[in-house]
Amino acid sequence: MDKVVVYPGRFQPMLKHHAEVYQRLVNEYPDAEVYIGTSDKVEPGKSPFNFAEKQKLIVASKIF
């Protein structure tokens, strides 16, 4: 059976420390597929970015 690790969160926005946790999971579970999970939920004040915006922010920040 293949191993899967999911790192869930709001990531509003995703920052360097989130990338560090992701990398730690990749290193800790070298034989697993490691994924980031987040939602498309928008809640003013708490979760201002939708999924597409979070994706753009991650790419623009060059975190990954």
Protein backbone atom coordinates (compact mmCIF):
# COMPACT_ATOMS: atom_id res chain seq x y z
CA MET A 1 0.00 0.00 0.00
CA ASP A 2 1.28 3.45 -0.88
CA LYS A 3 1.69 5.97 1.91
CA VAL A 4 0.05 9.39 1.71
CA VAL A 5 0.66 12.31 4.05
CA VAL A 6 -1.70 15.31 3.94
CA TYR A 7 -0.77 18.66 5.46
CA PRO A 8 -4.12 20.48 5.85
CA GLY A 9 -4.61 24.14 6.65
CA ARG A 10 -6.21 27.45 5.75
CA PHE A 11 -2.89 28.94 4.53
CA GLN A 12 -4.12 32.53 4.60
CA PRO A 13 -1.57 33.11 3.12
CA MET A 14 0.97 30.32 2.89
CA LEU A 15 4.24 31.55 4.32
CA LYS A 16 7.81 30.33 4.71
CA HIS A 17 7.07 28.44 7.94
CA HIS A 18 4.34 26.45 6.16
CA ALA A 19 6.85 25.48 3.48
CA GLU A 20 9.28 24.42 6.20
CA VAL A 21 6.66 22.10 7.73
CA TYR A 22 5.93 20.65 4.29
CA GLN A 23 9.63 20.02 3.67
CA ARG A 24 10.00 18.41 7.10
CA LEU A 25 7.14 16.03 6.23
CA VAL A 26 8.78 15.17 2.89
CA ASN A 27 12.04 14.42 4.71
CA GLU A 28 10.36 12.48 7.52
CA TYR A 29 8.31 10.32 5.14
CA PRO A 30 10.58 9.76 2.11
CA ASP A 31 8.52 6.79 0.89
CA ALA A 32 5.22 8.72 0.96
CA GLU A 33 3.36 11.08 -1.33
CA VAL A 34 3.08 14.38 0.60
CA TYR A 35 0.24 16.74 -0.28
CA ILE A 36 -1.00 20.10 0.93
CA GLY A 37 -4.73 20.30 1.50
CA THR A 38 -6.72 23.51 1.70
CA SER A 39 -10.21 24.70 0.92
CA ASP A 40 -11.90 27.25 -1.29
CA LYS A 41 -13.80 28.68 1.66
CA VAL A 42 -13.72 32.46 1.98
CA GLU A 43 -14.63 34.08 5.28
CA PRO A 44 -13.94 37.83 5.49
CA GLY A 45 -11.44 38.69 8.20
CA LYS A 46 -10.42 35.10 8.86
CA SER A 47 -9.96 33.46 5.46
CA PRO A 48 -9.83 36.18 2.79
CA PHE A 49 -8.26 34.14 -0.03
CA ASN A 50 -10.02 31.56 -2.19
CA PHE A 51 -8.20 28.50 -3.55
CA ALA A 52 -7.12 30.13 -6.83
CA GLU A 53 -5.78 33.17 -4.99
CA LYS A 54 -3.84 30.96 -2.56
CA GLN A 55 -2.37 29.09 -5.52
CA LYS A 56 -1.24 32.34 -7.15
CA LEU A 57 0.27 33.60 -3.90
CA ILE A 58 2.26 30.39 -3.45
CA VAL A 59 3.62 30.55 -7.01
CA ALA A 60 4.41 34.28 -6.76
CA SER A 61 6.22 33.84 -3.45
CA LYS A 62 8.39 31.06 -4.93
CA ILE A 63 8.00 29.13 -1.65
CA PHE A 64 7.77 25.86 -3.61
